[in-house]
Amino acid sequence: MTHDTTTTTPELSALLSDLVSVTHRLTRIAAQATGETTSPATWRTLSVLSSFGPMRLGELAKQSRVSQPTMTKIVANLNEVEWIRRIAVVDDARGWQIALAPKGIKALAEWRDRLGEALTPMFDDLDTTEIDIISRAVDLLHECTELRSGAAGAASEGSAARAA
């Protein structure tokens, strides 16, 4: 990844702030358009598991930005619909990790498809150049966040191993 130094840190900071704001708005618009009633915390939890893999409940709560008691309820509901599975931790008789189950993988993929379909009419009038710009931006965001989340995931695994 190359860095152009023509954008100052305050300009980049403002741009990234706007990006977060507009993506939250876009997510809300899409969720409303789909008529989805499943809580955003549920989808966020499935997305975290999809990105980071199996993890203990406390770490999952932290990554999903909810309290541990709230995550306990979310996991119970996800377990009831068979979207997650519990995996025993080999070296801790009381420990469990939460992982996506095949039904959860399918539900998450279908939800993401519904979001995209719901938003398509808003972007139907874009030309190929504009679509290419969005595509490049998405690729760049994936690259930047994977680099950061990979480092964060490795740090989390290290702290989990030390805590075990």
N, C-alpha and C. Protein backbone atom coordinates (compact mmCIF):
# COMPACT_ATOMS: atom_id res chain seq x y z
N MET A 1 0.84 -1.16 0.00
CA MET A 1 0.00 0.00 0.00
C MET A 1 0.89 1.23 0.00
N THR A 2 0.64 2.14 -0.94
CA THR A 2 1.44 3.36 -0.98
C THR A 2 0.70 4.47 -0.26
N HIS A 3 1.45 5.38 0.29
CA HIS A 3 0.86 6.49 1.04
C HIS A 3 1.21 7.79 0.35
N ASP A 4 0.20 8.59 0.08
CA ASP A 4 0.38 9.91 -0.49
C ASP A 4 0.36 10.90 0.66
N THR A 5 1.41 11.66 0.80
CA THR A 5 1.52 12.58 1.93
C THR A 5 0.82 13.91 1.68
N THR A 6 0.08 14.04 0.56
CA THR A 6 -0.60 15.30 0.29
C THR A 6 -1.81 15.50 1.20
N THR A 7 -2.38 14.46 1.74
CA THR A 7 -3.50 14.58 2.66
C THR A 7 -2.95 14.66 4.07
N THR A 8 -3.32 15.71 4.78
CA THR A 8 -2.84 15.87 6.14
C THR A 8 -3.64 14.98 7.08
N THR A 9 -3.07 14.74 8.24
CA THR A 9 -3.73 13.90 9.23
C THR A 9 -5.10 14.44 9.61
N PRO A 10 -5.27 15.75 9.85
CA PRO A 10 -6.62 16.24 10.17
C PRO A 10 -7.61 16.02 9.02
N GLU A 11 -7.15 16.19 7.77
CA GLU A 11 -8.03 15.95 6.62
C GLU A 11 -8.42 14.47 6.54
N LEU A 12 -7.46 13.60 6.75
CA LEU A 12 -7.73 12.17 6.72
C LEU A 12 -8.67 11.79 7.86
N SER A 13 -8.43 12.36 9.02
CA SER A 13 -9.27 12.09 10.18
C SER A 13 -10.72 12.50 9.90
N ALA A 14 -10.91 13.66 9.32
CA ALA A 14 -12.27 14.13 8.99
C ALA A 14 -12.91 13.24 7.94
N LEU A 15 -12.14 12.85 6.94
CA LEU A 15 -12.64 11.97 5.89
C LEU A 15 -13.07 10.62 6.47
N LEU A 16 -12.24 10.06 7.33
CA LEU A 16 -12.58 8.77 7.94
C LEU A 16 -13.79 8.88 8.86
N SER A 17 -13.91 10.00 9.56
CA SER A 17 -15.08 10.24 10.39
C SER A 17 -16.34 10.28 9.54
N ASP A 18 -16.28 10.98 8.42
CA ASP A 18 -17.41 11.01 7.49
C ASP A 18 -17.73 9.63 6.95
N LEU A 19 -16.69 8.86 6.63
CA LEU A 19 -16.87 7.51 6.12
C LEU A 19 -17.63 6.63 7.12
N VAL A 20 -17.22 6.68 8.37
CA VAL A 20 -17.90 5.90 9.41
C VAL A 20 -19.36 6.34 9.53
N SER A 21 -19.57 7.63 9.53
CA SER A 21 -20.93 8.16 9.65
C SER A 21 -21.81 7.71 8.49
N VAL A 22 -21.30 7.85 7.28
CA VAL A 22 -22.12 7.49 6.12
C VAL A 22 -22.34 5.98 6.02
N THR A 23 -21.37 5.19 6.44
CA THR A 23 -21.57 3.73 6.39
C THR A 23 -22.59 3.30 7.44
N HIS A 24 -22.59 3.96 8.61
CA HIS A 24 -23.63 3.65 9.61
C HIS A 24 -25.01 4.01 9.05
N ARG A 25 -25.10 5.17 8.42
CA ARG A 25 -26.37 5.59 7.82
C ARG A 25 -26.81 4.61 6.74
N LEU A 26 -25.87 4.20 5.90
CA LEU A 26 -26.16 3.25 4.83
C LEU A 26 -26.66 1.93 5.40
N THR A 27 -26.04 1.47 6.47
CA THR A 27 -26.47 0.23 7.12
C THR A 27 -27.89 0.36 7.67
N ARG A 28 -28.18 1.49 8.31
CA ARG A 28 -29.53 1.70 8.84
C ARG A 28 -30.56 1.74 7.72
N ILE A 29 -30.24 2.44 6.63
CA ILE A 29 -31.16 2.53 5.49
C ILE A 29 -31.43 1.15 4.93
N ALA A 30 -30.36 0.37 4.75
CA ALA A 30 -30.51 -0.99 4.20
C ALA A 30 -31.34 -1.87 5.13
N ALA A 31 -31.05 -1.81 6.43
CA ALA A 31 -31.79 -2.63 7.39
C ALA A 31 -33.27 -2.26 7.39
N GLN A 32 -33.57 -0.97 7.33
CA GLN A 32 -34.97 -0.54 7.28
C GLN A 32 -35.63 -1.00 5.99
N ALA A 33 -34.92 -0.92 4.87
CA ALA A 33 -35.47 -1.31 3.58
C ALA A 33 -35.76 -2.81 3.51
N THR A 34 -34.96 -3.60 4.23
CA THR A 34 -35.20 -5.05 4.21
C THR A 34 -36.33 -5.44 5.16
N GLY A 35 -36.68 -4.55 6.09
CA GLY A 35 -37.69 -4.89 7.09
C GLY A 35 -37.15 -5.85 8.13
N GLU A 36 -35.84 -5.95 8.20
CA GLU A 36 -35.17 -6.88 9.11
C GLU A 36 -35.49 -6.55 10.56
N THR A 37 -35.88 -7.58 11.33
CA THR A 37 -36.20 -7.38 12.74
C THR A 37 -35.13 -7.95 13.67
N THR A 38 -34.20 -8.72 13.12
CA THR A 38 -33.12 -9.27 13.93
C THR A 38 -32.23 -8.11 14.38
N SER A 39 -31.81 -8.14 15.64
CA SER A 39 -31.05 -7.02 16.18
C SER A 39 -29.71 -6.85 15.48
N PRO A 40 -29.26 -5.59 15.34
CA PRO A 40 -27.94 -5.34 14.76
C PRO A 40 -26.83 -6.05 15.55
N ALA A 41 -27.00 -6.18 16.86
CA ALA A 41 -25.99 -6.86 17.68
C ALA A 41 -25.85 -8.32 17.28
N THR A 42 -26.94 -8.93 16.87
CA THR A 42 -26.89 -10.32 16.42
C THR A 42 -26.05 -10.43 15.15
N TRP A 43 -26.34 -9.55 14.18
CA TRP A 43 -25.58 -9.59 12.92
C TRP A 43 -24.12 -9.23 13.15
N ARG A 44 -23.87 -8.27 14.04
CA ARG A 44 -22.50 -7.89 14.36
C ARG A 44 -21.76 -9.07 14.98
N THR A 45 -22.44 -9.81 15.86
CA THR A 45 -21.84 -10.97 16.50
C THR A 45 -21.48 -12.04 15.47
N LEU A 46 -22.39 -12.32 14.56
CA LEU A 46 -22.11 -13.30 13.51
C LEU A 46 -20.96 -12.82 12.62
N SER A 47 -20.93 -11.52 12.33
CA SER A 47 -19.85 -10.97 11.50
C SER A 47 -18.51 -11.08 12.20
N VAL A 48 -18.49 -10.84 13.51
CA VAL A 48 -17.24 -10.97 14.29
C VAL A 48 -16.75 -12.40 14.22
N LEU A 49 -17.65 -13.36 14.42
CA LEU A 49 -17.26 -14.77 14.37
C LEU A 49 -16.78 -15.15 12.97
N SER A 50 -17.41 -14.58 11.96
CA SER A 50 -17.00 -14.85 10.58
C SER A 50 -15.60 -14.30 10.31
N SER A 51 -15.31 -13.12 10.85
CA SER A 51 -14.01 -12.48 10.61
C SER A 51 -12.89 -13.08 11.45
N PHE A 52 -13.17 -13.36 12.72
CA PHE A 52 -12.11 -13.75 13.66
C PHE A 52 -12.09 -15.23 14.02
N GLY A 53 -13.16 -15.95 13.72
CA GLY A 53 -13.22 -17.36 14.08
C GLY A 53 -13.71 -17.54 15.51
N PRO A 54 -13.66 -18.79 15.98
CA PRO A 54 -14.17 -19.10 17.32
C PRO A 54 -13.47 -18.30 18.41
N MET A 55 -14.24 -17.91 19.42
CA MET A 55 -13.67 -17.20 20.56
C MET A 55 -14.55 -17.40 21.78
N ARG A 56 -13.95 -17.11 22.92
CA ARG A 56 -14.69 -17.21 24.18
C ARG A 56 -15.72 -16.10 24.27
N LEU A 57 -16.70 -16.32 25.11
CA LEU A 57 -17.82 -15.40 25.24
C LEU A 57 -17.36 -14.00 25.61
N GLY A 58 -16.46 -13.85 26.55
CA GLY A 58 -16.00 -12.52 26.97
C GLY A 58 -15.34 -11.76 25.83
N GLU A 59 -14.52 -12.43 25.06
CA GLU A 59 -13.86 -11.79 23.92
C GLU A 59 -14.88 -11.45 22.84
N LEU A 60 -15.85 -12.33 22.64
CA LEU A 60 -16.90 -12.08 21.66
C LEU A 60 -17.72 -10.85 22.07
N ALA A 61 -18.03 -10.72 23.35
CA ALA A 61 -18.75 -9.55 23.85
C ALA A 61 -17.94 -8.28 23.57
N LYS A 62 -16.66 -8.34 23.86
CA LYS A 62 -15.77 -7.19 23.65
C LYS A 62 -15.73 -6.81 22.17
N GLN A 63 -15.52 -7.79 21.30
CA GLN A 63 -15.44 -7.53 19.87
C GLN A 63 -16.77 -7.04 19.29
N SER A 64 -17.88 -7.47 19.87
CA SER A 64 -19.21 -7.09 19.39
C SER A 64 -19.72 -5.82 20.05
N ARG A 65 -18.95 -5.30 21.03
CA ARG A 65 -19.29 -4.07 21.72
C ARG A 65 -20.60 -4.16 22.51
N VAL A 66 -20.75 -5.26 23.23
CA VAL A 66 -21.89 -5.42 24.14
C VAL A 66 -21.36 -5.95 25.47
N SER A 67 -22.19 -5.86 26.50
CA SER A 67 -21.79 -6.39 27.80
C SER A 67 -21.80 -7.92 27.77
N GLN A 68 -21.10 -8.52 28.72
CA GLN A 68 -21.06 -9.98 28.76
C GLN A 68 -22.46 -10.57 29.01
N PRO A 69 -23.28 -10.00 29.92
CA PRO A 69 -24.63 -10.55 30.09
C PRO A 69 -25.47 -10.45 28.80
N THR A 70 -25.30 -9.35 28.06
CA THR A 70 -26.02 -9.22 26.78
C THR A 70 -25.54 -10.27 25.80
N MET A 71 -24.22 -10.50 25.75
CA MET A 71 -23.69 -11.51 24.84
C MET A 71 -24.18 -12.89 25.23
N THR A 72 -24.31 -13.15 26.52
CA THR A 72 -24.84 -14.44 26.98
C THR A 72 -26.23 -14.67 26.38
N LYS A 73 -27.07 -13.63 26.39
CA LYS A 73 -28.42 -13.73 25.81
C LYS A 73 -28.36 -13.91 24.30
N ILE A 74 -27.49 -13.15 23.64
CA ILE A 74 -27.35 -13.26 22.19
C ILE A 74 -26.92 -14.68 21.81
N VAL A 75 -25.92 -15.19 22.52
CA VAL A 75 -25.41 -16.54 22.24
C VAL A 75 -26.50 -17.59 22.49
N ALA A 76 -27.27 -17.42 23.55
CA ALA A 76 -28.36 -18.37 23.83
C ALA A 76 -29.37 -18.37 22.68
N ASN A 77 -29.72 -17.17 22.20
CA ASN A 77 -30.66 -17.08 21.07
C ASN A 77 -30.06 -17.67 19.80
N LEU A 78 -28.79 -17.38 19.54
CA LEU A 78 -28.13 -17.92 18.34
C LEU A 78 -28.00 -19.44 18.42
N ASN A 79 -27.77 -19.95 19.61
CA ASN A 79 -27.68 -21.39 19.81
C ASN A 79 -29.04 -22.05 19.57
N GLU A 80 -30.10 -21.37 20.02
CA GLU A 80 -31.45 -21.91 19.86
C GLU A 80 -31.83 -22.07 18.39
N VAL A 81 -31.40 -21.13 17.54
CA VAL A 81 -31.70 -21.23 16.11
C VAL A 81 -30.59 -21.95 15.34
N GLU A 82 -29.61 -22.46 16.08
CA GLU A 82 -28.51 -23.26 15.52
C GLU A 82 -27.61 -22.46 14.57
N TRP A 83 -27.42 -21.15 14.88
CA TRP A 83 -26.54 -20.33 14.07
C TRP A 83 -25.11 -20.34 14.61
N ILE A 84 -24.95 -20.79 15.83
CA ILE A 84 -23.61 -20.93 16.41
C ILE A 84 -23.49 -22.32 17.02
N ARG A 85 -22.27 -22.68 17.34
CA ARG A 85 -22.04 -23.93 18.08
C ARG A 85 -21.00 -23.63 19.15
N ARG A 86 -21.08 -24.39 20.20
CA ARG A 86 -20.12 -24.24 21.30
C ARG A 86 -19.04 -25.31 21.15
N ILE A 87 -17.81 -24.90 21.34
CA ILE A 87 -16.67 -25.81 21.23
C ILE A 87 -15.97 -25.84 22.58
N ALA A 88 -15.80 -27.02 23.13
CA ALA A 88 -15.09 -27.15 24.40
C ALA A 88 -13.62 -26.77 24.22
N VAL A 89 -13.09 -26.05 25.19
CA VAL A 89 -11.66 -25.69 25.17
C VAL A 89 -10.91 -26.88 25.75
N VAL A 90 -9.98 -27.41 24.99
CA VAL A 90 -9.29 -28.65 25.35
C VAL A 90 -8.61 -28.58 26.71
N ASP A 91 -7.88 -27.49 26.98
CA ASP A 91 -7.12 -27.43 28.21
C ASP A 91 -7.85 -26.70 29.35
N ASP A 92 -9.17 -26.51 29.21
CA ASP A 92 -9.96 -25.87 30.27
C ASP A 92 -11.32 -26.56 30.30
N ALA A 93 -11.52 -27.41 31.30
CA ALA A 93 -12.74 -28.21 31.37
C ALA A 93 -14.00 -27.34 31.43
N ARG A 94 -13.89 -26.12 31.95
CA ARG A 94 -15.06 -25.25 32.03
C ARG A 94 -15.16 -24.29 30.85
N GLY A 95 -14.14 -24.23 30.02
CA GLY A 95 -14.09 -23.24 28.95
C GLY A 95 -14.79 -23.67 27.68
N TRP A 96 -15.43 -22.69 27.04
CA TRP A 96 -16.10 -22.89 25.77
C TRP A 96 -15.74 -21.77 24.82
N GLN A 97 -15.67 -22.11 23.56
CA GLN A 97 -15.56 -21.10 22.52
C GLN A 97 -16.85 -21.13 21.71
N ILE A 98 -17.17 -19.99 21.15
CA ILE A 98 -18.35 -19.87 20.31
C ILE A 98 -17.87 -19.81 18.86
N ALA A 99 -18.52 -20.59 17.99
CA ALA A 99 -18.14 -20.61 16.58
C ALA A 99 -19.40 -20.52 15.72
N LEU A 100 -19.24 -20.03 14.51
CA LEU A 100 -20.35 -20.04 13.57
C LEU A 100 -20.69 -21.47 13.18
N ALA A 101 -21.97 -21.76 13.11
CA ALA A 101 -22.45 -23.05 12.61
C ALA A 101 -22.84 -22.84 11.14
N PRO A 102 -22.97 -23.92 10.38
CA PRO A 102 -23.36 -23.78 8.97
C PRO A 102 -24.63 -22.93 8.76
N LYS A 103 -25.63 -23.10 9.62
CA LYS A 103 -26.85 -22.29 9.49
C LYS A 103 -26.56 -20.81 9.73
N GLY A 104 -25.63 -20.50 10.61
CA GLY A 104 -25.25 -19.11 10.88
C GLY A 104 -24.50 -18.50 9.71
N ILE A 105 -23.62 -19.29 9.09
CA ILE A 105 -22.89 -18.83 7.91
C ILE A 105 -23.88 -18.49 6.80
N LYS A 106 -24.86 -19.38 6.61
CA LYS A 106 -25.88 -19.18 5.57
C LYS A 106 -26.73 -17.95 5.90
N ALA A 107 -27.17 -17.81 7.15
CA ALA A 107 -28.00 -16.67 7.55
C ALA A 107 -27.26 -15.35 7.34
N LEU A 108 -25.99 -15.31 7.71
CA LEU A 108 -25.18 -14.10 7.54
C LEU A 108 -25.03 -13.75 6.06
N ALA A 109 -24.75 -14.74 5.24
CA ALA A 109 -24.60 -14.50 3.80
C ALA A 109 -25.91 -13.99 3.20
N GLU A 110 -27.02 -14.59 3.60
CA GLU A 110 -28.32 -14.17 3.08
C GLU A 110 -28.66 -12.75 3.53
N TRP A 111 -28.33 -12.41 4.79
CA TRP A 111 -28.58 -11.06 5.30
C TRP A 111 -27.75 -10.04 4.52
N ARG A 112 -26.49 -10.36 4.28
CA ARG A 112 -25.64 -9.45 3.51
C ARG A 112 -26.17 -9.27 2.09
N ASP A 113 -26.66 -10.36 1.49
CA ASP A 113 -27.26 -10.26 0.16
C ASP A 113 -28.48 -9.36 0.18
N ARG A 114 -29.34 -9.51 1.20
CA ARG A 114 -30.55 -8.67 1.32
C ARG A 114 -30.17 -7.20 1.47
N LEU A 115 -29.12 -6.92 2.24
CA LEU A 115 -28.66 -5.53 2.40
C LEU A 115 -28.26 -4.95 1.04
N GLY A 116 -27.47 -5.71 0.30
CA GLY A 116 -27.02 -5.24 -1.02
C GLY A 116 -28.18 -5.02 -1.97
N GLU A 117 -29.12 -5.96 -1.96
CA GLU A 117 -30.30 -5.84 -2.83
C GLU A 117 -31.14 -4.63 -2.44
N ALA A 118 -31.26 -4.37 -1.15
CA ALA A 118 -32.05 -3.24 -0.67
C ALA A 118 -31.42 -1.92 -1.07
N LEU A 119 -30.11 -1.86 -1.14
CA LEU A 119 -29.41 -0.62 -1.48
C LEU A 119 -29.27 -0.39 -2.98
N THR A 120 -29.36 -1.43 -3.77
CA THR A 120 -29.13 -1.32 -5.21
C THR A 120 -29.93 -0.20 -5.87
N PRO A 121 -31.22 -0.04 -5.57
CA PRO A 121 -31.97 1.04 -6.23
C PRO A 121 -31.40 2.44 -5.97
N MET A 122 -30.76 2.64 -4.84
CA MET A 122 -30.17 3.95 -4.53
C MET A 122 -28.97 4.25 -5.42
N PHE A 123 -28.37 3.21 -5.97
CA PHE A 123 -27.13 3.37 -6.73
C PHE A 123 -27.28 2.97 -8.19
N ASP A 124 -28.50 2.71 -8.64
CA ASP A 124 -28.76 2.27 -10.01
C ASP A 124 -28.25 3.23 -11.08
N ASP A 125 -28.19 4.52 -10.76
CA ASP A 125 -27.82 5.50 -11.78
C ASP A 125 -26.31 5.77 -11.85
N LEU A 126 -25.51 5.01 -11.09
CA LEU A 126 -24.06 5.19 -11.14
C LEU A 126 -23.52 4.65 -12.46
N ASP A 127 -22.53 5.34 -13.00
CA ASP A 127 -21.89 4.83 -14.21
C ASP A 127 -20.76 3.87 -13.81
N THR A 128 -20.14 3.26 -14.80
CA THR A 128 -19.11 2.25 -14.51
C THR A 128 -17.91 2.85 -13.79
N THR A 129 -17.58 4.09 -14.08
CA THR A 129 -16.46 4.74 -13.39
C THR A 129 -16.76 4.90 -11.91
N GLU A 130 -17.97 5.33 -11.59
CA GLU A 130 -18.36 5.51 -10.19
C GLU A 130 -18.42 4.17 -9.45
N ILE A 131 -18.92 3.16 -10.13
CA ILE A 131 -18.96 1.82 -9.53
C ILE A 131 -17.54 1.32 -9.28
N ASP A 132 -16.64 1.59 -10.23
CA ASP A 132 -15.24 1.20 -10.06
C ASP A 132 -14.61 1.92 -8.86
N ILE A 133 -14.95 3.18 -8.65
CA ILE A 133 -14.43 3.94 -7.50
C ILE A 133 -14.90 3.28 -6.20
N ILE A 134 -16.17 2.93 -6.13
CA ILE A 134 -16.69 2.27 -4.93
C ILE A 134 -15.99 0.92 -4.73
N SER A 135 -15.82 0.19 -5.81
CA SER A 135 -15.15 -1.11 -5.73
C SER A 135 -13.72 -0.98 -5.21
N ARG A 136 -13.00 0.00 -5.73
CA ARG A 136 -11.63 0.23 -5.27
C ARG A 136 -11.60 0.67 -3.80
N ALA A 137 -12.56 1.51 -3.43
CA ALA A 137 -12.64 1.95 -2.02
C ALA A 137 -12.92 0.77 -1.10
N VAL A 138 -13.83 -0.10 -1.49
CA VAL A 138 -14.14 -1.29 -0.68
C VAL A 138 -12.91 -2.18 -0.55
N ASP A 139 -12.21 -2.40 -1.66
CA ASP A 139 -10.99 -3.20 -1.62
C ASP A 139 -9.96 -2.59 -0.67
N LEU A 140 -9.78 -1.28 -0.75
CA LEU A 140 -8.83 -0.59 0.11
C LEU A 140 -9.23 -0.71 1.58
N LEU A 141 -10.52 -0.53 1.86
CA LEU A 141 -11.00 -0.65 3.24
C LEU A 141 -10.81 -2.07 3.77
N HIS A 142 -11.09 -3.06 2.93
CA HIS A 142 -10.84 -4.45 3.33
C HIS A 142 -9.37 -4.64 3.68
N GLU A 143 -8.50 -4.16 2.80
CA GLU A 143 -7.06 -4.32 3.01
C GLU A 143 -6.61 -3.65 4.31
N CYS A 144 -7.03 -2.41 4.52
CA CYS A 144 -6.62 -1.68 5.72
C CYS A 144 -7.16 -2.31 6.99
N THR A 145 -8.42 -2.72 6.97
CA THR A 145 -9.01 -3.29 8.19
C THR A 145 -8.51 -4.69 8.45
N GLU A 146 -8.20 -5.45 7.41
CA GLU A 146 -7.65 -6.80 7.63
C GLU A 146 -6.26 -6.72 8.23
N LEU A 147 -5.48 -5.74 7.79
CA LEU A 147 -4.15 -5.57 8.38
C LEU A 147 -4.28 -5.25 9.86
N ARG A 148 -5.19 -4.35 10.20
CA ARG A 148 -5.37 -3.95 11.60
C ARG A 148 -6.02 -5.05 12.42
N SER A 149 -7.08 -5.67 11.88
CA SER A 149 -7.78 -6.71 12.65
C SER A 149 -6.92 -7.95 12.80
N GLY A 150 -6.07 -8.22 11.83
CA GLY A 150 -5.15 -9.34 11.97
C GLY A 150 -4.20 -9.13 13.13
N ALA A 151 -3.69 -7.91 13.26
CA ALA A 151 -2.82 -7.59 14.38
C ALA A 151 -3.59 -7.62 15.69
N ALA A 152 -4.83 -7.09 15.68
CA ALA A 152 -5.66 -7.10 16.89
C ALA A 152 -6.04 -8.52 17.26
N GLY A 153 -6.37 -9.34 16.24
CA GLY A 153 -6.71 -10.73 16.51
C GLY A 153 -5.55 -11.50 17.10
N ALA A 154 -4.35 -11.25 16.59
CA ALA A 154 -3.16 -11.92 17.13
C ALA A 154 -2.91 -11.48 18.57
N ALA A 155 -3.13 -10.19 18.84
CA ALA A 155 -2.95 -9.69 20.20
C ALA A 155 -3.99 -10.31 21.13
N SER A 156 -5.22 -10.43 20.64
CA SER A 156 -6.28 -11.04 21.46
C SER A 156 -5.98 -12.50 21.76
N GLU A 157 -5.48 -13.22 20.75
CA GLU A 157 -5.14 -14.62 20.95
C GLU A 157 -4.03 -14.75 21.98
N GLY A 158 -3.07 -13.84 21.90
CA GLY A 158 -1.97 -13.87 22.85
C GLY A 158 -2.45 -13.61 24.26
N SER A 159 -3.34 -12.62 24.42
CA SER A 159 -3.85 -12.33 25.77
C SER A 159 -4.74 -13.45 26.26
N ALA A 160 -5.50 -14.09 25.36
CA ALA A 160 -6.33 -15.22 25.76
C ALA A 160 -5.47 -16.39 26.20
N ALA A 161 -4.37 -16.61 25.50
CA ALA A 161 -3.47 -17.71 25.86
C ALA A 161 -2.83 -17.45 27.21
N ARG A 162 -2.46 -16.18 27.46
CA ARG A 162 -1.87 -15.85 28.76
C ARG A 162 -2.88 -15.99 29.88
N ALA A 163 -4.16 -15.67 29.59
CA ALA A 163 -5.19 -15.74 30.63
C ALA A 163 -5.59 -17.17 30.93
N ALA A 164 -5.40 -18.07 29.99
CA ALA A 164 -5.83 -19.46 30.16
C ALA A 164 -4.95 -20.23 31.12
